[in-house]
All heavy atoms as atom14 arrays in JSON, in Angstrom:
{
  "sequence": "DGVLALGGGAVLDPQTQDALRSYRDGGGVVVFL",
  "atom14_mask": [
    [1, 1, 1, 1, 1, 1, 1, 1, 0, 0, 0, 0, 0, 0],
    [1, 1, 1, 1, 0, 0, 0, 0, 0, 0, 0, 0, 0, 0],
    [1, 1, 1, 1, 1, 1, 1, 0, 0, 0, 0, 0, 0, 0],
    [1, 1, 1, 1, 1, 1, 1, 1, 0, 0, 0, 0, 0, 0],
    [1, 1, 1, 1, 1, 0, 0, 0, 0, 0, 0, 0, 0, 0],
    [1, 1, 1, 1, 1, 1, 1, 1, 0, 0, 0, 0, 0, 0],
    [1, 1, 1, 1, 0, 0, 0, 0, 0, 0, 0, 0, 0, 0],
    [1, 1, 1, 1, 0, 0, 0, 0, 0, 0, 0, 0, 0, 0],
    [1, 1, 1, 1, 0, 0, 0, 0, 0, 0, 0, 0, 0, 0],
    [1, 1, 1, 1, 1, 0, 0, 0, 0, 0, 0, 0, 0, 0],
    [1, 1, 1, 1, 1, 1, 1, 0, 0, 0, 0, 0, 0, 0],
    [1, 1, 1, 1, 1, 1, 1, 1, 0, 0, 0, 0, 0, 0],
    [1, 1, 1, 1, 1, 1, 1, 1, 0, 0, 0, 0, 0, 0],
    [1, 1, 1, 1, 1, 1, 1, 0, 0, 0, 0, 0, 0, 0],
    [1, 1, 1, 1, 1, 1, 1, 1, 1, 0, 0, 0, 0, 0],
    [1, 1, 1, 1, 1, 1, 1, 0, 0, 0, 0, 0, 0, 0],
    [1, 1, 1, 1, 1, 1, 1, 1, 1, 0, 0, 0, 0, 0],
    [1, 1, 1, 1, 1, 1, 1, 1, 0, 0, 0, 0, 0, 0],
    [1, 1, 1, 1, 1, 0, 0, 0, 0, 0, 0, 0, 0, 0],
    [1, 1, 1, 1, 1, 1, 1, 1, 0, 0, 0, 0, 0, 0],
    [1, 1, 1, 1, 1, 1, 1, 1, 1, 1, 1, 0, 0, 0],
    [1, 1, 1, 1, 1, 1, 0, 0, 0, 0, 0, 0, 0, 0],
    [1, 1, 1, 1, 1, 1, 1, 1, 1, 1, 1, 1, 0, 0],
    [1, 1, 1, 1, 1, 1, 1, 1, 1, 1, 1, 0, 0, 0],
    [1, 1, 1, 1, 1, 1, 1, 1, 0, 0, 0, 0, 0, 0],
    [1, 1, 1, 1, 0, 0, 0, 0, 0, 0, 0, 0, 0, 0],
    [1, 1, 1, 1, 0, 0, 0, 0, 0, 0, 0, 0, 0, 0],
    [1, 1, 1, 1, 0, 0, 0, 0, 0, 0, 0, 0, 0, 0],
    [1, 1, 1, 1, 1, 1, 1, 0, 0, 0, 0, 0, 0, 0],
    [1, 1, 1, 1, 1, 1, 1, 0, 0, 0, 0, 0, 0, 0],
    [1, 1, 1, 1, 1, 1, 1, 0, 0, 0, 0, 0, 0, 0],
    [1, 1, 1, 1, 1, 1, 1, 1, 1, 1, 1, 0, 0, 0],
    [1, 1, 1, 1, 1, 1, 1, 1, 0, 0, 0, 0, 0, 0]
  ],
  "atom14_positions": [
    [[12.61, -4.84, 4.88], [12.31, -3.88, 6.06], [13.6, -3.37, 6.73], [13.56, -2.93, 7.85], [11.41, -4.69, 7.04], [12.03, -5.98, 7.62], [13.19, -6.18, 7.23], [11.37, -6.49, 8.42], [0.0, 0.0, 0.0], [0.0, 0.0, 0.0], [0.0, 0.0, 0.0], [0.0, 0.0, 0.0], [0.0, 0.0, 0.0], [0.0, 0.0, 0.0]],
    [[14.68, -3.47, 6.09], [15.98, -2.95, 6.52], [16.35, -1.61, 5.95], [15.5, -0.86, 5.57], [0.0, 0.0, 0.0], [0.0, 0.0, 0.0], [0.0, 0.0, 0.0], [0.0, 0.0, 0.0], [0.0, 0.0, 0.0], [0.0, 0.0, 0.0], [0.0, 0.0, 0.0], [0.0, 0.0, 0.0], [0.0, 0.0, 0.0], [0.0, 0.0, 0.0]],
    [[17.64, -1.37, 5.72], [18.22, -0.12, 5.07], [18.46, -0.53, 3.7], [19.05, -1.51, 3.36], [19.48, 0.18, 5.82], [20.02, 1.51, 5.26], [19.35, 0.4, 7.35], [0.0, 0.0, 0.0], [0.0, 0.0, 0.0], [0.0, 0.0, 0.0], [0.0, 0.0, 0.0], [0.0, 0.0, 0.0], [0.0, 0.0, 0.0], [0.0, 0.0, 0.0]],
    [[17.8, 0.3, 2.83], [17.86, 0.19, 1.41], [18.66, 1.31, 0.7], [18.44, 2.4, 0.99], [16.48, 0.14, 0.77], [16.26, -0.13, -0.62], [16.84, -1.4, -1.01], [14.77, 0.03, -0.89], [0.0, 0.0, 0.0], [0.0, 0.0, 0.0], [0.0, 0.0, 0.0], [0.0, 0.0, 0.0], [0.0, 0.0, 0.0], [0.0, 0.0, 0.0]],
    [[19.58, 0.82, -0.1], [20.38, 1.86, -0.95], [19.83, 1.73, -2.36], [19.9, 0.69, -3.01], [21.81, 1.61, -0.87], [0.0, 0.0, 0.0], [0.0, 0.0, 0.0], [0.0, 0.0, 0.0], [0.0, 0.0, 0.0], [0.0, 0.0, 0.0], [0.0, 0.0, 0.0], [0.0, 0.0, 0.0], [0.0, 0.0, 0.0], [0.0, 0.0, 0.0]],
    [[19.46, 2.87, -3.0], [18.93, 2.77, -4.3], [20.12, 3.29, -5.21], [20.88, 4.13, -4.81], [17.82, 3.87, -4.47], [16.52, 3.31, -4.37], [16.18, 2.61, -3.01], [15.42, 4.32, -4.69], [0.0, 0.0, 0.0], [0.0, 0.0, 0.0], [0.0, 0.0, 0.0], [0.0, 0.0, 0.0], [0.0, 0.0, 0.0], [0.0, 0.0, 0.0]],
    [[20.11, 2.8, -6.41], [21.13, 3.27, -7.45], [20.76, 4.79, -7.69], [19.68, 5.37, -7.53], [0.0, 0.0, 0.0], [0.0, 0.0, 0.0], [0.0, 0.0, 0.0], [0.0, 0.0, 0.0], [0.0, 0.0, 0.0], [0.0, 0.0, 0.0], [0.0, 0.0, 0.0], [0.0, 0.0, 0.0], [0.0, 0.0, 0.0], [0.0, 0.0, 0.0]],
    [[21.85, 5.51, -8.05], [21.84, 7.07, -8.14], [20.72, 7.48, -9.1], [20.17, 8.51, -8.91], [0.0, 0.0, 0.0], [0.0, 0.0, 0.0], [0.0, 0.0, 0.0], [0.0, 0.0, 0.0], [0.0, 0.0, 0.0], [0.0, 0.0, 0.0], [0.0, 0.0, 0.0], [0.0, 0.0, 0.0], [0.0, 0.0, 0.0], [0.0, 0.0, 0.0]],
    [[20.43, 6.9, -10.15], [19.44, 7.27, -11.18], [18.1, 6.74, -11.0], [17.16, 7.06, -11.68], [0.0, 0.0, 0.0], [0.0, 0.0, 0.0], [0.0, 0.0, 0.0], [0.0, 0.0, 0.0], [0.0, 0.0, 0.0], [0.0, 0.0, 0.0], [0.0, 0.0, 0.0], [0.0, 0.0, 0.0], [0.0, 0.0, 0.0], [0.0, 0.0, 0.0]],
    [[17.89, 5.9, -10.01], [16.57, 5.26, -9.76], [15.44, 6.38, -9.59], [14.34, 6.13, -10.07], [16.64, 4.37, -8.58], [0.0, 0.0, 0.0], [0.0, 0.0, 0.0], [0.0, 0.0, 0.0], [0.0, 0.0, 0.0], [0.0, 0.0, 0.0], [0.0, 0.0, 0.0], [0.0, 0.0, 0.0], [0.0, 0.0, 0.0], [0.0, 0.0, 0.0]],
    [[15.78, 7.52, -9.0], [14.73, 8.47, -8.64], [14.2, 9.18, -9.91], [13.22, 9.93, -9.77], [15.38, 9.56, -7.69], [15.74, 8.9, -6.28], [16.57, 10.27, -8.39], [0.0, 0.0, 0.0], [0.0, 0.0, 0.0], [0.0, 0.0, 0.0], [0.0, 0.0, 0.0], [0.0, 0.0, 0.0], [0.0, 0.0, 0.0], [0.0, 0.0, 0.0]],
    [[14.9, 8.94, -11.02], [14.4, 9.61, -12.26], [13.21, 9.09, -12.86], [12.45, 9.6, -13.72], [15.52, 9.66, -13.38], [16.76, 10.43, -12.95], [17.88, 10.45, -14.05], [16.34, 11.9, -12.6], [0.0, 0.0, 0.0], [0.0, 0.0, 0.0], [0.0, 0.0, 0.0], [0.0, 0.0, 0.0], [0.0, 0.0, 0.0], [0.0, 0.0, 0.0]],
    [[12.79, 7.81, -12.42], [11.77, 7.11, -12.99], [10.4, 7.55, -12.3], [10.36, 7.51, -11.04], [11.86, 5.59, -12.65], [10.68, 4.9, -13.35], [10.7, 4.56, -14.45], [9.78, 4.57, -12.52], [0.0, 0.0, 0.0], [0.0, 0.0, 0.0], [0.0, 0.0, 0.0], [0.0, 0.0, 0.0], [0.0, 0.0, 0.0], [0.0, 0.0, 0.0]],
    [[9.44, 8.03, -13.02], [8.28, 8.59, -12.48], [7.49, 7.53, -11.45], [7.05, 7.95, -10.52], [7.32, 8.93, -13.65], [8.23, 9.18, -14.77], [9.48, 8.22, -14.5], [0.0, 0.0, 0.0], [0.0, 0.0, 0.0], [0.0, 0.0, 0.0], [0.0, 0.0, 0.0], [0.0, 0.0, 0.0], [0.0, 0.0, 0.0], [0.0, 0.0, 0.0]],
    [[7.46, 6.27, -11.89], [6.92, 5.32, -10.96], [7.64, 5.19, -9.75], [7.12, 5.06, -8.63], [6.79, 3.9, -11.74], [5.8, 3.91, -12.8], [5.81, 2.64, -13.63], [6.57, 1.71, -13.25], [5.03, 2.5, -14.67], [0.0, 0.0, 0.0], [0.0, 0.0, 0.0], [0.0, 0.0, 0.0], [0.0, 0.0, 0.0], [0.0, 0.0, 0.0]],
    [[8.93, 5.16, -9.78], [9.84, 5.11, -8.63], [9.57, 6.41, -7.67], [9.53, 6.3, -6.47], [11.27, 4.91, -8.95], [11.4, 3.72, -9.63], [12.24, 4.88, -7.75], [0.0, 0.0, 0.0], [0.0, 0.0, 0.0], [0.0, 0.0, 0.0], [0.0, 0.0, 0.0], [0.0, 0.0, 0.0], [0.0, 0.0, 0.0], [0.0, 0.0, 0.0]],
    [[9.56, 7.53, -8.35], [9.31, 8.76, -7.56], [7.95, 8.59, -6.85], [7.9, 9.03, -5.59], [9.15, 9.95, -8.45], [10.5, 10.37, -9.08], [10.42, 11.5, -10.06], [9.48, 12.24, -10.12], [11.33, 11.57, -11.07], [0.0, 0.0, 0.0], [0.0, 0.0, 0.0], [0.0, 0.0, 0.0], [0.0, 0.0, 0.0], [0.0, 0.0, 0.0]],
    [[6.95, 8.14, -7.43], [5.65, 7.96, -6.81], [5.91, 6.9, -5.52], [5.28, 7.2, -4.54], [4.57, 7.43, -7.79], [4.17, 8.54, -8.77], [4.39, 9.73, -8.55], [3.5, 8.11, -9.72], [0.0, 0.0, 0.0], [0.0, 0.0, 0.0], [0.0, 0.0, 0.0], [0.0, 0.0, 0.0], [0.0, 0.0, 0.0], [0.0, 0.0, 0.0]],
    [[6.62, 5.85, -5.9], [6.68, 4.95, -4.83], [7.56, 5.48, -3.58], [7.21, 5.19, -2.43], [7.41, 3.6, -5.42], [0.0, 0.0, 0.0], [0.0, 0.0, 0.0], [0.0, 0.0, 0.0], [0.0, 0.0, 0.0], [0.0, 0.0, 0.0], [0.0, 0.0, 0.0], [0.0, 0.0, 0.0], [0.0, 0.0, 0.0], [0.0, 0.0, 0.0]],
    [[8.51, 6.27, -3.88], [9.29, 6.95, -2.82], [8.3, 7.88, -2.07], [8.52, 7.95, -0.82], [10.45, 7.71, -3.39], [11.57, 6.74, -3.99], [12.75, 7.47, -4.65], [12.13, 5.8, -2.95], [0.0, 0.0, 0.0], [0.0, 0.0, 0.0], [0.0, 0.0, 0.0], [0.0, 0.0, 0.0], [0.0, 0.0, 0.0], [0.0, 0.0, 0.0]],
    [[7.5, 8.66, -2.69], [6.68, 9.63, -2.08], [5.76, 8.92, -1.15], [5.53, 9.17, 0.01], [5.89, 10.43, -2.99], [6.84, 11.54, -3.75], [5.89, 12.36, -4.63], [6.69, 13.06, -5.59], [6.89, 12.78, -6.76], [6.26, 11.62, -7.35], [7.62, 13.44, -7.6], [0.0, 0.0, 0.0], [0.0, 0.0, 0.0], [0.0, 0.0, 0.0]],
    [[5.19, 7.76, -1.66], [4.17, 6.95, -0.93], [4.91, 6.43, 0.32], [4.47, 6.31, 1.43], [3.54, 5.88, -1.75], [2.83, 6.31, -2.71], [0.0, 0.0, 0.0], [0.0, 0.0, 0.0], [0.0, 0.0, 0.0], [0.0, 0.0, 0.0], [0.0, 0.0, 0.0], [0.0, 0.0, 0.0], [0.0, 0.0, 0.0], [0.0, 0.0, 0.0]],
    [[6.09, 5.84, 0.2], [6.97, 5.27, 1.19], [7.25, 6.38, 2.26], [6.89, 6.21, 3.43], [8.17, 4.81, 0.71], [9.18, 4.19, 1.69], [9.06, 3.01, 2.29], [10.38, 4.95, 2.11], [9.95, 2.45, 3.24], [11.25, 4.47, 3.04], [11.02, 3.17, 3.52], [11.89, 2.73, 4.43], [0.0, 0.0, 0.0], [0.0, 0.0, 0.0]],
    [[7.65, 7.53, 1.82], [7.94, 8.69, 2.68], [6.64, 9.19, 3.5], [6.58, 9.36, 4.68], [8.55, 9.84, 2.05], [8.73, 11.13, 2.74], [8.99, 12.22, 1.86], [7.68, 12.52, 1.23], [7.59, 13.24, 0.01], [8.79, 13.57, -0.57], [6.44, 13.46, -0.48], [0.0, 0.0, 0.0], [0.0, 0.0, 0.0], [0.0, 0.0, 0.0]],
    [[5.57, 9.31, 2.67], [4.37, 9.82, 3.31], [3.64, 8.81, 4.14], [2.82, 9.14, 5.09], [3.42, 10.2, 2.21], [3.91, 11.4, 1.33], [4.83, 12.1, 1.79], [3.36, 11.69, 0.26], [0.0, 0.0, 0.0], [0.0, 0.0, 0.0], [0.0, 0.0, 0.0], [0.0, 0.0, 0.0], [0.0, 0.0, 0.0], [0.0, 0.0, 0.0]],
    [[4.09, 7.59, 3.97], [3.58, 6.45, 4.91], [4.44, 6.33, 6.18], [4.18, 5.32, 6.87], [0.0, 0.0, 0.0], [0.0, 0.0, 0.0], [0.0, 0.0, 0.0], [0.0, 0.0, 0.0], [0.0, 0.0, 0.0], [0.0, 0.0, 0.0], [0.0, 0.0, 0.0], [0.0, 0.0, 0.0], [0.0, 0.0, 0.0], [0.0, 0.0, 0.0]],
    [[5.35, 7.17, 6.23], [6.21, 7.05, 7.52], [7.6, 6.47, 7.31], [8.34, 6.53, 8.3], [0.0, 0.0, 0.0], [0.0, 0.0, 0.0], [0.0, 0.0, 0.0], [0.0, 0.0, 0.0], [0.0, 0.0, 0.0], [0.0, 0.0, 0.0], [0.0, 0.0, 0.0], [0.0, 0.0, 0.0], [0.0, 0.0, 0.0], [0.0, 0.0, 0.0]],
    [[7.89, 6.15, 6.14], [9.23, 5.62, 5.85], [10.16, 6.8, 5.65], [9.7, 7.97, 5.51], [0.0, 0.0, 0.0], [0.0, 0.0, 0.0], [0.0, 0.0, 0.0], [0.0, 0.0, 0.0], [0.0, 0.0, 0.0], [0.0, 0.0, 0.0], [0.0, 0.0, 0.0], [0.0, 0.0, 0.0], [0.0, 0.0, 0.0], [0.0, 0.0, 0.0]],
    [[11.44, 6.5, 5.97], [12.46, 7.56, 5.86], [13.32, 7.46, 4.5], [13.85, 6.47, 4.24], [13.41, 7.44, 7.09], [14.45, 8.53, 6.93], [12.62, 7.64, 8.42], [0.0, 0.0, 0.0], [0.0, 0.0, 0.0], [0.0, 0.0, 0.0], [0.0, 0.0, 0.0], [0.0, 0.0, 0.0], [0.0, 0.0, 0.0], [0.0, 0.0, 0.0]],
    [[13.37, 8.59, 3.8], [14.17, 8.66, 2.56], [15.32, 9.65, 2.86], [14.99, 10.86, 3.1], [13.31, 9.04, 1.33], [14.27, 9.11, 0.13], [12.14, 8.1, 1.3], [0.0, 0.0, 0.0], [0.0, 0.0, 0.0], [0.0, 0.0, 0.0], [0.0, 0.0, 0.0], [0.0, 0.0, 0.0], [0.0, 0.0, 0.0], [0.0, 0.0, 0.0]],
    [[16.55, 9.24, 2.97], [17.58, 10.13, 3.21], [18.41, 10.38, 1.98], [18.95, 9.47, 1.25], [18.61, 9.41, 4.18], [19.76, 10.31, 4.48], [17.87, 9.15, 5.58], [0.0, 0.0, 0.0], [0.0, 0.0, 0.0], [0.0, 0.0, 0.0], [0.0, 0.0, 0.0], [0.0, 0.0, 0.0], [0.0, 0.0, 0.0], [0.0, 0.0, 0.0]],
    [[18.52, 11.69, 1.68], [19.26, 12.1, 0.3], [20.77, 12.36, 0.88], [21.01, 13.23, 1.73], [18.68, 13.39, -0.13], [19.55, 14.16, -1.11], [20.61, 13.59, -1.91], [19.33, 15.51, -1.32], [21.39, 14.18, -2.81], [20.16, 16.27, -2.2], [21.16, 15.67, -2.93], [0.0, 0.0, 0.0], [0.0, 0.0, 0.0], [0.0, 0.0, 0.0]],
    [[21.66, 11.43, 0.46], [23.07, 11.67, 0.79], [23.66, 12.46, -0.32], [23.84, 12.14, -1.43], [23.75, 10.36, 0.78], [23.47, 9.26, 1.92], [24.27, 8.07, 1.8], [23.49, 9.93, 3.24], [0.0, 0.0, 0.0], [0.0, 0.0, 0.0], [0.0, 0.0, 0.0], [0.0, 0.0, 0.0], [0.0, 0.0, 0.0], [0.0, 0.0, 0.0]]
  ]
}
């Protein structure tokens, strides 16, 4: 429940993309550096 840094290529996995969308759509913040 803190600040999470993902590996650069993690976003390429379709399951991870879905998880990130759900996280974002549920009120979580995803920051693209």
